[in-house]
Amino acid sequence: MAEKERRGFRRMDDYLSFTYRRISRQEFDMMKPKYLSGTVDEQSLPSLPELDFTAEEQAVWRVLGPVLEAFHERISFLNHKLDMIISLLRGEKVGSVLPEKPRRINISGSGCKFIVSEVLDEGTLLEMKIYLAGSCQRVIPALARVMHATPLAGKSHALAVRFEAISYNSREALVQYIFRAERSLLRAEREKKTQDESKGLSRSEGGDIEGRVS
């Protein structure tokens, strides 16, 4: 992705559940195709050489392949939601459905920033899963690289990571999540402003009435 495009993504501070783990370069290279295609945690589709297709059938497969991969990603998301519903029906606490308690994270379509209690050098490769909340409820899987690691008080470090492998659908889900959150915030601010103006107008009218009476 071009640097100009990365800078074009809007960023937002939020409190979300997310996980990460360090991975080797070999793991990164092995997992990258699945993360880019959106088939993480799903059985990957067979490649053309593995299929006994005619030339015409292979042409059809090339067209349908991306559609089927997107379908796989959607099924993975629905399976996750179903697991959450089953856990809730069993009487488990909502917090137990998520792998980690929500904590502060700055997110965008190109990467994220968060604080960790361990030392991670710049260039470290990570496997991440971000759990979006609200109506978007879905898991965003991505492979990322640590771009900056800033020491903080104690043993904490502020990390800035860049997504190196994330599917188009997952990136779009992040962008839409941020857009909806910002829109909700602006709507709430407008409503508060309207309420404050209404209260001010009411107080002003009340003062005028008292003045006329006296």
N, C-alpha and C. Protein backbone atom coordinates (compact mmCIF):
# COMPACT_ATOMS: atom_id res chain seq x y z
N MET A 1 0.84 -1.19 0.00
CA MET A 1 0.00 0.00 0.00
C MET A 1 0.88 1.24 0.00
N ALA A 2 0.52 2.25 -0.82
CA ALA A 2 1.29 3.47 -0.91
C ALA A 2 1.21 4.26 0.39
N GLU A 3 2.32 4.99 0.70
CA GLU A 3 2.37 5.77 1.93
C GLU A 3 1.27 6.82 1.95
N LYS A 4 0.97 7.41 0.79
CA LYS A 4 -0.08 8.44 0.71
C LYS A 4 -1.43 7.85 1.09
N GLU A 5 -1.69 6.61 0.64
CA GLU A 5 -2.96 5.96 0.96
C GLU A 5 -3.04 5.63 2.44
N ARG A 6 -1.92 5.22 3.05
CA ARG A 6 -1.90 4.93 4.48
C ARG A 6 -2.28 6.17 5.28
N ARG A 7 -1.73 7.32 4.90
CA ARG A 7 -1.99 8.54 5.64
C ARG A 7 -3.43 9.00 5.46
N GLY A 8 -4.11 8.49 4.42
CA GLY A 8 -5.48 8.91 4.15
C GLY A 8 -6.49 8.27 5.08
N PHE A 9 -6.12 7.22 5.80
CA PHE A 9 -7.05 6.56 6.71
C PHE A 9 -7.26 7.39 7.97
N ARG A 10 -8.50 7.51 8.39
CA ARG A 10 -8.82 8.22 9.63
C ARG A 10 -8.49 7.34 10.82
N ARG A 11 -8.07 7.97 11.92
CA ARG A 11 -7.71 7.25 13.13
C ARG A 11 -8.71 7.57 14.23
N MET A 12 -8.82 6.66 15.19
CA MET A 12 -9.76 6.88 16.29
C MET A 12 -9.30 6.14 17.53
N ASP A 13 -9.39 6.80 18.68
CA ASP A 13 -9.12 6.15 19.97
C ASP A 13 -10.36 5.40 20.41
N ASP A 14 -10.18 4.18 20.90
CA ASP A 14 -11.32 3.38 21.32
C ASP A 14 -10.87 2.41 22.41
N TYR A 15 -11.84 1.72 22.99
CA TYR A 15 -11.55 0.66 23.96
C TYR A 15 -12.10 -0.64 23.38
N LEU A 16 -11.21 -1.52 22.94
CA LEU A 16 -11.61 -2.76 22.29
C LEU A 16 -10.79 -3.92 22.85
N SER A 17 -11.35 -5.12 22.69
CA SER A 17 -10.60 -6.32 23.02
C SER A 17 -9.72 -6.68 21.82
N PHE A 18 -8.46 -6.97 22.07
CA PHE A 18 -7.58 -7.39 20.98
C PHE A 18 -6.47 -8.27 21.54
N THR A 19 -5.93 -9.09 20.69
CA THR A 19 -4.83 -9.97 21.07
C THR A 19 -3.70 -9.83 20.05
N TYR A 20 -2.51 -10.19 20.47
CA TYR A 20 -1.37 -10.20 19.56
C TYR A 20 -0.37 -11.23 20.04
N ARG A 21 0.43 -11.72 19.13
CA ARG A 21 1.53 -12.61 19.48
C ARG A 21 2.66 -12.43 18.47
N ARG A 22 3.87 -12.59 18.97
CA ARG A 22 5.02 -12.48 18.08
C ARG A 22 5.11 -13.70 17.17
N ILE A 23 5.46 -13.46 15.93
CA ILE A 23 5.62 -14.56 14.98
C ILE A 23 6.96 -14.40 14.25
N SER A 24 7.44 -15.50 13.74
CA SER A 24 8.71 -15.47 13.00
C SER A 24 8.45 -15.06 11.55
N ARG A 25 9.51 -14.76 10.85
CA ARG A 25 9.39 -14.41 9.43
C ARG A 25 8.82 -15.58 8.64
N GLN A 26 9.21 -16.80 9.03
CA GLN A 26 8.71 -17.98 8.34
C GLN A 26 7.20 -18.12 8.54
N GLU A 27 6.73 -17.91 9.78
CA GLU A 27 5.29 -17.96 10.04
C GLU A 27 4.56 -16.89 9.24
N PHE A 28 5.15 -15.70 9.21
CA PHE A 28 4.54 -14.59 8.47
C PHE A 28 4.36 -14.95 7.00
N ASP A 29 5.41 -15.48 6.40
CA ASP A 29 5.35 -15.83 4.98
C ASP A 29 4.32 -16.93 4.72
N MET A 30 4.17 -17.86 5.66
CA MET A 30 3.21 -18.96 5.48
C MET A 30 1.77 -18.47 5.64
N MET A 31 1.53 -17.55 6.57
CA MET A 31 0.17 -17.10 6.87
C MET A 31 -0.30 -15.94 6.01
N LYS A 32 0.62 -15.21 5.43
CA LYS A 32 0.27 -13.99 4.69
C LYS A 32 -0.82 -14.20 3.63
N PRO A 33 -0.73 -15.24 2.78
CA PRO A 33 -1.77 -15.41 1.76
C PRO A 33 -3.18 -15.55 2.34
N LYS A 34 -3.31 -16.28 3.44
CA LYS A 34 -4.63 -16.47 4.06
C LYS A 34 -5.16 -15.15 4.62
N TYR A 35 -4.28 -14.38 5.23
CA TYR A 35 -4.73 -13.10 5.81
C TYR A 35 -5.12 -12.11 4.73
N LEU A 36 -4.42 -12.13 3.63
CA LEU A 36 -4.76 -11.22 2.53
C LEU A 36 -6.06 -11.61 1.86
N SER A 37 -6.31 -12.91 1.74
CA SER A 37 -7.51 -13.39 1.05
C SER A 37 -8.73 -13.46 1.96
N GLY A 38 -8.51 -13.38 3.28
CA GLY A 38 -9.65 -13.45 4.20
C GLY A 38 -10.07 -14.86 4.53
N THR A 39 -9.18 -15.83 4.37
CA THR A 39 -9.53 -17.23 4.65
C THR A 39 -8.86 -17.73 5.92
N VAL A 40 -8.57 -16.83 6.84
CA VAL A 40 -7.95 -17.22 8.10
C VAL A 40 -8.91 -18.11 8.88
N ASP A 41 -8.36 -19.16 9.49
CA ASP A 41 -9.15 -20.13 10.26
C ASP A 41 -10.13 -20.91 9.40
N GLU A 42 -9.97 -20.84 8.11
CA GLU A 42 -10.80 -21.63 7.21
C GLU A 42 -9.87 -22.48 6.35
N GLN A 43 -10.39 -23.58 5.87
CA GLN A 43 -9.59 -24.41 4.99
C GLN A 43 -9.37 -23.65 3.69
N SER A 44 -8.14 -23.49 3.29
CA SER A 44 -7.86 -22.71 2.09
C SER A 44 -8.39 -23.40 0.85
N LEU A 45 -8.76 -22.61 -0.14
CA LEU A 45 -9.25 -23.16 -1.39
C LEU A 45 -8.10 -23.80 -2.16
N PRO A 46 -8.34 -24.91 -2.83
CA PRO A 46 -7.27 -25.56 -3.59
C PRO A 46 -6.82 -24.68 -4.74
N SER A 47 -5.54 -24.77 -5.06
CA SER A 47 -5.01 -23.99 -6.18
C SER A 47 -5.36 -24.68 -7.49
N LEU A 48 -5.23 -23.95 -8.57
CA LEU A 48 -5.60 -24.49 -9.88
C LEU A 48 -4.84 -25.77 -10.25
N PRO A 49 -3.52 -25.85 -9.98
CA PRO A 49 -2.80 -27.08 -10.33
C PRO A 49 -3.33 -28.31 -9.60
N GLU A 50 -3.96 -28.11 -8.41
CA GLU A 50 -4.47 -29.23 -7.63
C GLU A 50 -5.82 -29.71 -8.14
N LEU A 51 -6.45 -28.94 -9.01
CA LEU A 51 -7.77 -29.28 -9.52
C LEU A 51 -7.67 -29.81 -10.94
N ASP A 52 -8.39 -30.87 -11.19
CA ASP A 52 -8.37 -31.48 -12.52
C ASP A 52 -9.42 -30.78 -13.39
N PHE A 53 -9.15 -29.51 -13.74
CA PHE A 53 -10.09 -28.70 -14.50
C PHE A 53 -9.63 -28.57 -15.94
N THR A 54 -10.59 -28.41 -16.82
CA THR A 54 -10.28 -28.07 -18.20
C THR A 54 -9.92 -26.59 -18.25
N ALA A 55 -9.42 -26.13 -19.38
CA ALA A 55 -9.05 -24.71 -19.51
C ALA A 55 -10.27 -23.81 -19.29
N GLU A 56 -11.43 -24.25 -19.80
CA GLU A 56 -12.65 -23.45 -19.63
C GLU A 56 -13.08 -23.41 -18.16
N GLU A 57 -12.98 -24.55 -17.48
CA GLU A 57 -13.35 -24.61 -16.06
C GLU A 57 -12.39 -23.78 -15.21
N GLN A 58 -11.11 -23.77 -15.58
CA GLN A 58 -10.14 -22.96 -14.85
C GLN A 58 -10.44 -21.48 -14.99
N ALA A 59 -10.90 -21.07 -16.17
CA ALA A 59 -11.26 -19.66 -16.39
C ALA A 59 -12.42 -19.26 -15.48
N VAL A 60 -13.40 -20.16 -15.34
CA VAL A 60 -14.53 -19.90 -14.46
C VAL A 60 -14.06 -19.83 -13.01
N TRP A 61 -13.14 -20.73 -12.64
CA TRP A 61 -12.63 -20.76 -11.26
C TRP A 61 -11.91 -19.47 -10.91
N ARG A 62 -11.17 -18.91 -11.88
CA ARG A 62 -10.45 -17.66 -11.62
C ARG A 62 -11.42 -16.52 -11.30
N VAL A 63 -12.60 -16.57 -11.91
CA VAL A 63 -13.60 -15.54 -11.66
C VAL A 63 -14.29 -15.76 -10.32
N LEU A 64 -14.62 -17.02 -10.02
CA LEU A 64 -15.36 -17.33 -8.80
C LEU A 64 -14.47 -17.40 -7.56
N GLY A 65 -13.17 -17.63 -7.74
CA GLY A 65 -12.27 -17.79 -6.60
C GLY A 65 -12.36 -16.67 -5.57
N PRO A 66 -12.19 -15.39 -5.99
CA PRO A 66 -12.27 -14.29 -5.02
C PRO A 66 -13.62 -14.21 -4.30
N VAL A 67 -14.70 -14.54 -5.03
CA VAL A 67 -16.04 -14.52 -4.43
C VAL A 67 -16.14 -15.57 -3.34
N LEU A 68 -15.63 -16.77 -3.62
CA LEU A 68 -15.67 -17.85 -2.64
C LEU A 68 -14.80 -17.53 -1.43
N GLU A 69 -13.68 -16.87 -1.65
CA GLU A 69 -12.81 -16.50 -0.53
C GLU A 69 -13.51 -15.50 0.39
N ALA A 70 -14.21 -14.53 -0.21
CA ALA A 70 -14.96 -13.56 0.60
C ALA A 70 -16.08 -14.26 1.36
N PHE A 71 -16.69 -15.27 0.72
CA PHE A 71 -17.74 -16.04 1.37
C PHE A 71 -17.19 -16.79 2.57
N HIS A 72 -15.98 -17.35 2.42
CA HIS A 72 -15.33 -18.04 3.54
C HIS A 72 -15.13 -17.10 4.72
N GLU A 73 -14.70 -15.87 4.44
CA GLU A 73 -14.46 -14.90 5.51
C GLU A 73 -15.77 -14.58 6.23
N ARG A 74 -16.85 -14.43 5.47
CA ARG A 74 -18.14 -14.11 6.07
C ARG A 74 -18.63 -15.25 6.95
N ILE A 75 -18.43 -16.49 6.49
CA ILE A 75 -18.84 -17.65 7.28
C ILE A 75 -18.05 -17.70 8.58
N SER A 76 -16.74 -17.37 8.51
CA SER A 76 -15.92 -17.35 9.72
C SER A 76 -16.46 -16.35 10.73
N PHE A 77 -16.88 -15.18 10.24
CA PHE A 77 -17.45 -14.15 11.11
C PHE A 77 -18.75 -14.64 11.75
N LEU A 78 -19.62 -15.28 10.95
CA LEU A 78 -20.89 -15.78 11.47
C LEU A 78 -20.67 -16.87 12.51
N ASN A 79 -19.66 -17.71 12.29
CA ASN A 79 -19.33 -18.75 13.27
C ASN A 79 -18.92 -18.13 14.60
N HIS A 80 -18.16 -17.04 14.52
CA HIS A 80 -17.73 -16.36 15.75
C HIS A 80 -18.94 -15.79 16.49
N LYS A 81 -19.87 -15.17 15.76
CA LYS A 81 -21.06 -14.61 16.40
C LYS A 81 -21.89 -15.72 17.03
N LEU A 82 -21.98 -16.86 16.35
CA LEU A 82 -22.74 -17.99 16.89
C LEU A 82 -22.12 -18.49 18.18
N ASP A 83 -20.79 -18.56 18.22
CA ASP A 83 -20.10 -18.97 19.45
C ASP A 83 -20.41 -18.02 20.60
N MET A 84 -20.47 -16.71 20.29
CA MET A 84 -20.78 -15.72 21.32
C MET A 84 -22.19 -15.91 21.85
N ILE A 85 -23.15 -16.16 20.94
CA ILE A 85 -24.54 -16.34 21.34
C ILE A 85 -24.69 -17.58 22.21
N ILE A 86 -24.04 -18.68 21.81
CA ILE A 86 -24.11 -19.92 22.58
C ILE A 86 -23.54 -19.71 23.98
N SER A 87 -22.43 -18.98 24.07
CA SER A 87 -21.82 -18.70 25.38
C SER A 87 -22.77 -17.91 26.26
N LEU A 88 -23.47 -16.94 25.67
CA LEU A 88 -24.41 -16.13 26.44
C LEU A 88 -25.60 -16.97 26.89
N LEU A 89 -26.09 -17.85 26.02
CA LEU A 89 -27.22 -18.72 26.38
C LEU A 89 -26.85 -19.69 27.49
N ARG A 90 -25.59 -20.03 27.58
CA ARG A 90 -25.13 -20.92 28.65
C ARG A 90 -24.97 -20.19 29.98
N GLY A 91 -25.21 -18.90 29.96
CA GLY A 91 -25.11 -18.13 31.20
C GLY A 91 -23.73 -17.62 31.50
N GLU A 92 -22.82 -17.72 30.54
CA GLU A 92 -21.47 -17.22 30.77
C GLU A 92 -21.48 -15.70 30.76
N LYS A 93 -20.56 -15.10 31.49
CA LYS A 93 -20.46 -13.65 31.52
C LYS A 93 -20.02 -13.15 30.15
N VAL A 94 -20.52 -11.97 29.80
CA VAL A 94 -20.17 -11.40 28.50
C VAL A 94 -18.66 -11.24 28.36
N GLY A 95 -18.01 -10.87 29.46
CA GLY A 95 -16.57 -10.68 29.41
C GLY A 95 -15.82 -11.95 29.07
N SER A 96 -16.41 -13.12 29.39
CA SER A 96 -15.73 -14.38 29.14
C SER A 96 -15.76 -14.76 27.67
N VAL A 97 -16.61 -14.07 26.88
CA VAL A 97 -16.69 -14.36 25.45
C VAL A 97 -15.47 -13.80 24.73
N LEU A 98 -14.95 -12.69 25.22
CA LEU A 98 -13.80 -12.05 24.60
C LEU A 98 -12.50 -12.59 25.18
N PRO A 99 -11.46 -12.70 24.38
CA PRO A 99 -10.19 -13.25 24.86
C PRO A 99 -9.48 -12.33 25.84
N GLU A 100 -9.70 -11.02 25.74
CA GLU A 100 -9.06 -10.05 26.62
C GLU A 100 -10.06 -8.96 26.99
N LYS A 101 -9.85 -8.34 28.15
CA LYS A 101 -10.69 -7.21 28.52
C LYS A 101 -10.41 -6.05 27.56
N PRO A 102 -11.45 -5.30 27.19
CA PRO A 102 -11.24 -4.14 26.31
C PRO A 102 -10.24 -3.17 26.93
N ARG A 103 -9.35 -2.65 26.13
CA ARG A 103 -8.40 -1.64 26.59
C ARG A 103 -8.16 -0.63 25.48
N ARG A 104 -7.50 0.43 25.83
CA ARG A 104 -7.36 1.54 24.88
C ARG A 104 -6.50 1.13 23.68
N ILE A 105 -6.98 1.52 22.51
CA ILE A 105 -6.25 1.26 21.27
C ILE A 105 -6.64 2.34 20.26
N ASN A 106 -5.67 2.80 19.52
CA ASN A 106 -5.92 3.77 18.45
C ASN A 106 -5.91 2.99 17.14
N ILE A 107 -7.02 3.02 16.42
CA ILE A 107 -7.14 2.17 15.23
C ILE A 107 -7.35 3.00 13.97
N SER A 108 -6.95 2.42 12.86
CA SER A 108 -7.22 2.98 11.54
C SER A 108 -7.20 1.83 10.55
N GLY A 109 -7.45 2.14 9.30
CA GLY A 109 -7.44 1.08 8.29
C GLY A 109 -6.05 0.61 7.94
N SER A 110 -5.02 1.33 8.39
CA SER A 110 -3.65 0.97 8.04
C SER A 110 -2.83 0.39 9.19
N GLY A 111 -3.35 0.53 10.42
CA GLY A 111 -2.60 0.02 11.57
C GLY A 111 -3.23 0.45 12.88
N CYS A 112 -2.48 0.33 13.95
CA CYS A 112 -3.02 0.70 15.26
C CYS A 112 -1.88 1.05 16.22
N LYS A 113 -2.26 1.66 17.33
CA LYS A 113 -1.31 2.02 18.39
C LYS A 113 -1.87 1.55 19.72
N PHE A 114 -1.03 0.96 20.54
CA PHE A 114 -1.48 0.49 21.86
C PHE A 114 -0.28 0.35 22.78
N ILE A 115 -0.55 0.15 24.05
CA ILE A 115 0.51 0.06 25.06
C ILE A 115 0.68 -1.38 25.52
N VAL A 116 1.90 -1.83 25.63
CA VAL A 116 2.20 -3.19 26.09
C VAL A 116 3.17 -3.12 27.27
N SER A 117 3.25 -4.22 27.99
CA SER A 117 4.13 -4.28 29.17
C SER A 117 5.37 -5.11 28.90
N GLU A 118 5.72 -5.28 27.64
CA GLU A 118 6.92 -6.04 27.28
C GLU A 118 7.69 -5.27 26.22
N VAL A 119 8.91 -5.68 26.00
CA VAL A 119 9.76 -5.01 25.01
C VAL A 119 9.59 -5.68 23.66
N LEU A 120 9.16 -4.92 22.67
CA LEU A 120 9.04 -5.40 21.30
C LEU A 120 9.83 -4.46 20.41
N ASP A 121 10.84 -4.98 19.77
CA ASP A 121 11.69 -4.15 18.93
C ASP A 121 10.99 -3.75 17.64
N GLU A 122 11.45 -2.65 17.08
CA GLU A 122 10.94 -2.23 15.77
C GLU A 122 11.25 -3.31 14.74
N GLY A 123 10.27 -3.60 13.91
CA GLY A 123 10.43 -4.65 12.91
C GLY A 123 9.86 -5.98 13.34
N THR A 124 9.48 -6.10 14.63
CA THR A 124 8.88 -7.35 15.12
C THR A 124 7.56 -7.61 14.40
N LEU A 125 7.36 -8.85 13.97
CA LEU A 125 6.13 -9.23 13.27
C LEU A 125 5.12 -9.78 14.27
N LEU A 126 3.87 -9.41 14.09
CA LEU A 126 2.81 -9.80 15.02
C LEU A 126 1.62 -10.40 14.27
N GLU A 127 0.97 -11.34 14.93
CA GLU A 127 -0.34 -11.83 14.48
C GLU A 127 -1.37 -11.20 15.42
N MET A 128 -2.34 -10.49 14.86
CA MET A 128 -3.30 -9.75 15.68
C MET A 128 -4.74 -10.14 15.37
N LYS A 129 -5.59 -9.99 16.38
CA LYS A 129 -7.04 -10.10 16.20
C LYS A 129 -7.68 -8.98 17.00
N ILE A 130 -8.46 -8.15 16.32
CA ILE A 130 -9.15 -7.04 16.95
C ILE A 130 -10.64 -7.33 16.92
N TYR A 131 -11.29 -7.22 18.07
CA TYR A 131 -12.71 -7.55 18.18
C TYR A 131 -13.53 -6.26 18.19
N LEU A 132 -14.18 -5.97 17.07
CA LEU A 132 -15.00 -4.77 16.98
C LEU A 132 -16.27 -4.93 17.79
N ALA A 133 -16.70 -3.85 18.42
CA ALA A 133 -17.89 -3.90 19.28
C ALA A 133 -19.09 -3.31 18.56
N GLY A 134 -20.22 -3.24 19.28
CA GLY A 134 -21.43 -2.63 18.75
C GLY A 134 -22.05 -3.44 17.63
N SER A 135 -22.74 -2.74 16.72
CA SER A 135 -23.46 -3.42 15.64
C SER A 135 -22.51 -4.07 14.65
N CYS A 136 -21.22 -3.66 14.65
CA CYS A 136 -20.26 -4.22 13.69
C CYS A 136 -19.77 -5.60 14.09
N GLN A 137 -19.88 -5.93 15.37
CA GLN A 137 -19.36 -7.17 15.96
C GLN A 137 -18.72 -8.14 14.97
N ARG A 138 -17.44 -8.08 14.88
CA ARG A 138 -16.70 -9.02 14.05
C ARG A 138 -15.24 -9.03 14.48
N VAL A 139 -14.54 -10.06 14.06
CA VAL A 139 -13.12 -10.18 14.37
C VAL A 139 -12.32 -9.70 13.17
N ILE A 140 -11.34 -8.85 13.44
CA ILE A 140 -10.45 -8.35 12.38
C ILE A 140 -9.09 -9.03 12.54
N PRO A 141 -8.79 -10.04 11.72
CA PRO A 141 -7.47 -10.68 11.80
C PRO A 141 -6.48 -9.97 10.89
N ALA A 142 -5.26 -9.81 11.35
CA ALA A 142 -4.25 -9.13 10.55
C ALA A 142 -2.85 -9.53 10.99
N LEU A 143 -1.93 -9.45 10.06
CA LEU A 143 -0.51 -9.59 10.38
C LEU A 143 0.08 -8.19 10.36
N ALA A 144 0.86 -7.86 11.36
CA ALA A 144 1.36 -6.49 11.50
C ALA A 144 2.85 -6.46 11.80
N ARG A 145 3.42 -5.27 11.61
CA ARG A 145 4.84 -5.04 11.90
C ARG A 145 4.97 -3.85 12.85
N VAL A 146 5.81 -3.99 13.87
CA VAL A 146 6.06 -2.89 14.79
C VAL A 146 6.91 -1.84 14.08
N MET A 147 6.36 -0.63 13.95
CA MET A 147 7.08 0.45 13.28
C MET A 147 7.82 1.35 14.27
N HIS A 148 7.20 1.55 15.44
CA HIS A 148 7.82 2.38 16.48
C HIS A 148 7.52 1.77 17.84
N ALA A 149 8.48 1.81 18.74
CA ALA A 149 8.30 1.34 20.11
C ALA A 149 8.88 2.41 21.04
N THR A 150 8.00 3.12 21.74
CA THR A 150 8.42 4.22 22.59
C THR A 150 8.34 3.83 24.06
N PRO A 151 9.45 3.87 24.81
CA PRO A 151 9.43 3.52 26.24
C PRO A 151 8.57 4.50 27.03
N LEU A 152 7.80 3.98 27.97
CA LEU A 152 6.97 4.79 28.85
C LEU A 152 7.42 4.55 30.29
N ALA A 153 6.66 5.08 31.23
CA ALA A 153 6.99 4.89 32.64
C ALA A 153 6.96 3.41 32.99
N GLY A 154 7.86 2.98 33.87
CA GLY A 154 7.92 1.57 34.24
C GLY A 154 8.46 0.73 33.10
N LYS A 155 7.81 -0.40 32.85
CA LYS A 155 8.26 -1.30 31.78
C LYS A 155 7.35 -1.24 30.56
N SER A 156 6.44 -0.28 30.53
CA SER A 156 5.49 -0.18 29.42
C SER A 156 6.13 0.45 28.18
N HIS A 157 5.58 0.09 27.03
CA HIS A 157 6.01 0.65 25.76
C HIS A 157 4.77 0.97 24.92
N ALA A 158 4.82 2.10 24.22
CA ALA A 158 3.76 2.47 23.28
C ALA A 158 4.17 1.99 21.90
N LEU A 159 3.36 1.13 21.31
CA LEU A 159 3.68 0.57 20.00
C LEU A 159 2.84 1.21 18.91
N ALA A 160 3.47 1.42 17.78
CA ALA A 160 2.77 1.82 16.56
C ALA A 160 3.02 0.71 15.56
N VAL A 161 1.95 0.02 15.16
CA VAL A 161 2.12 -1.12 14.25
C VAL A 161 1.39 -0.85 12.94
N ARG A 162 1.90 -1.43 11.89
CA ARG A 162 1.33 -1.27 10.56
C ARG A 162 0.83 -2.63 10.07
N PHE A 163 -0.37 -2.65 9.52
CA PHE A 163 -0.91 -3.89 8.98
C PHE A 163 -0.15 -4.25 7.71
N GLU A 164 0.45 -5.43 7.71
CA GLU A 164 1.18 -5.91 6.54
C GLU A 164 0.35 -6.88 5.71
N ALA A 165 -0.60 -7.55 6.36
CA ALA A 165 -1.47 -8.50 5.66
C ALA A 165 -2.85 -8.46 6.31
N ILE A 166 -3.82 -7.90 5.59
CA ILE A 166 -5.19 -7.81 6.07
C ILE A 166 -6.09 -7.86 4.84
N SER A 167 -7.20 -8.58 4.92
CA SER A 167 -8.07 -8.71 3.76
C SER A 167 -8.78 -7.40 3.46
N TYR A 168 -9.23 -7.27 2.23
CA TYR A 168 -9.96 -6.06 1.82
C TYR A 168 -11.20 -5.88 2.67
N ASN A 169 -11.94 -6.97 2.90
CA ASN A 169 -13.18 -6.88 3.69
C ASN A 169 -12.91 -6.45 5.13
N SER A 170 -11.84 -6.97 5.72
CA SER A 170 -11.51 -6.61 7.09
C SER A 170 -11.10 -5.14 7.19
N ARG A 171 -10.32 -4.69 6.22
CA ARG A 171 -9.91 -3.28 6.22
C ARG A 171 -11.13 -2.36 6.07
N GLU A 172 -12.04 -2.75 5.16
CA GLU A 172 -13.25 -1.96 4.96
C GLU A 172 -14.12 -1.95 6.22
N ALA A 173 -14.15 -3.08 6.92
CA ALA A 173 -14.93 -3.16 8.17
C ALA A 173 -14.38 -2.19 9.20
N LEU A 174 -13.05 -2.09 9.29
CA LEU A 174 -12.42 -1.14 10.20
C LEU A 174 -12.76 0.30 9.82
N VAL A 175 -12.66 0.60 8.53
CA VAL A 175 -12.94 1.96 8.05
C VAL A 175 -14.39 2.33 8.34
N GLN A 176 -15.32 1.39 8.07
CA GLN A 176 -16.74 1.66 8.31
C GLN A 176 -17.03 1.79 9.80
N TYR A 177 -16.35 0.99 10.61
CA TYR A 177 -16.54 1.06 12.07
C TYR A 177 -16.15 2.45 12.58
N ILE A 178 -15.00 2.95 12.12
CA ILE A 178 -14.54 4.28 12.53
C ILE A 178 -15.50 5.36 12.04
N PHE A 179 -15.96 5.22 10.80
CA PHE A 179 -16.88 6.20 10.23
C PHE A 179 -18.17 6.27 11.04
N ARG A 180 -18.73 5.10 11.38
CA ARG A 180 -19.97 5.08 12.16
C ARG A 180 -19.77 5.66 13.55
N ALA A 181 -18.64 5.34 14.17
CA ALA A 181 -18.36 5.85 15.51
C ALA A 181 -18.23 7.37 15.50
N GLU A 182 -17.52 7.90 14.50
CA GLU A 182 -17.37 9.35 14.41
C GLU A 182 -18.71 10.03 14.14
N ARG A 183 -19.52 9.40 13.30
CA ARG A 183 -20.84 9.96 12.99
C ARG A 183 -21.72 9.98 14.23
N SER A 184 -21.66 8.92 15.03
CA SER A 184 -22.44 8.86 16.27
C SER A 184 -21.97 9.94 17.25
N LEU A 185 -20.65 10.15 17.32
CA LEU A 185 -20.10 11.16 18.22
C LEU A 185 -20.55 12.56 17.80
N LEU A 186 -20.50 12.84 16.50
CA LEU A 186 -20.94 14.14 16.00
C LEU A 186 -22.42 14.36 16.26
N ARG A 187 -23.22 13.29 16.07
CA ARG A 187 -24.66 13.41 16.32
C ARG A 187 -24.93 13.70 17.79
N ALA A 188 -24.19 13.03 18.68
CA ALA A 188 -24.36 13.26 20.11
C ALA A 188 -23.97 14.69 20.49
N GLU A 189 -22.89 15.20 19.86
CA GLU A 189 -22.46 16.57 20.14
C GLU A 189 -23.50 17.58 19.67
N ARG A 190 -24.09 17.33 18.48
CA ARG A 190 -25.12 18.23 17.97
C ARG A 190 -26.35 18.23 18.88
N GLU A 191 -26.74 17.04 19.33
CA GLU A 191 -27.90 16.94 20.21
C GLU A 191 -27.65 17.67 21.53
N LYS A 192 -26.44 17.53 22.06
CA LYS A 192 -26.10 18.22 23.31
C LYS A 192 -26.12 19.73 23.11
N LYS A 193 -25.60 20.18 21.98
CA LYS A 193 -25.58 21.62 21.69
C LYS A 193 -27.00 22.16 21.58
N THR A 194 -27.88 21.39 20.92
CA THR A 194 -29.27 21.80 20.77
C THR A 194 -29.96 21.88 22.13
N GLN A 195 -29.68 20.88 22.98
CA GLN A 195 -30.28 20.88 24.32
C GLN A 195 -29.78 22.07 25.14
N ASP A 196 -28.48 22.37 25.06
CA ASP A 196 -27.92 23.50 25.80
C ASP A 196 -28.53 24.82 25.32
N GLU A 197 -28.70 24.94 23.99
CA GLU A 197 -29.30 26.16 23.45
C GLU A 197 -30.75 26.29 23.88
N SER A 198 -31.47 25.16 23.95
CA SER A 198 -32.87 25.19 24.38
C SER A 198 -32.98 25.61 25.83
N LYS A 199 -32.06 25.09 26.67
CA LYS A 199 -32.07 25.46 28.09
C LYS A 199 -31.75 26.95 28.25
N GLY A 200 -30.80 27.45 27.46
CA GLY A 200 -30.44 28.86 27.53
C GLY A 200 -31.59 29.75 27.11
N LEU A 201 -32.32 29.31 26.06
CA LEU A 201 -33.47 30.07 25.58
C LEU A 201 -34.57 30.09 26.61
N SER A 202 -34.79 28.96 27.28
CA SER A 202 -35.83 28.87 28.31
C SER A 202 -35.52 29.80 29.47
N ARG A 203 -34.24 29.83 29.88
CA ARG A 203 -33.84 30.72 30.98
C ARG A 203 -34.01 32.18 30.59
N SER A 204 -33.70 32.49 29.33
CA SER A 204 -33.83 33.86 28.85
C SER A 204 -35.28 34.30 28.82
N GLU A 205 -36.16 33.42 28.34
CA GLU A 205 -37.58 33.74 28.29
C GLU A 205 -38.15 33.89 29.69
N GLY A 206 -37.67 33.06 30.62
CA GLY A 206 -38.13 33.14 32.01
C GLY A 206 -37.75 34.47 32.63
N GLY A 207 -36.55 34.96 32.31
CA GLY A 207 -36.10 36.24 32.83
C GLY A 207 -36.91 37.39 32.29
N ASP A 208 -37.28 37.31 30.99
CA ASP A 208 -38.09 38.36 30.39
C ASP A 208 -39.46 38.45 31.04
N ILE A 209 -40.05 37.28 31.32
CA ILE A 209 -41.37 37.25 31.94
C ILE A 209 -41.32 37.87 33.33
N GLU A 210 -40.29 37.52 34.11
CA GLU A 210 -40.15 38.08 35.45
C GLU A 210 -39.99 39.59 35.40
N GLY A 211 -39.27 40.09 34.38
CA GLY A 211 -39.06 41.52 34.26
C GLY A 211 -40.36 42.25 33.97
N ARG A 212 -41.18 41.65 33.10
CA ARG A 212 -42.45 42.29 32.76
C ARG A 212 -43.40 42.30 33.95
N VAL A 213 -43.39 41.24 34.74
CA VAL A 213 -44.27 41.14 35.90
C VAL A 213 -43.90 42.17 36.95
N SER A 214 -42.59 42.33 37.18
CA SER A 214 -42.15 43.29 38.19
C SER A 214 -42.36 44.73 37.70
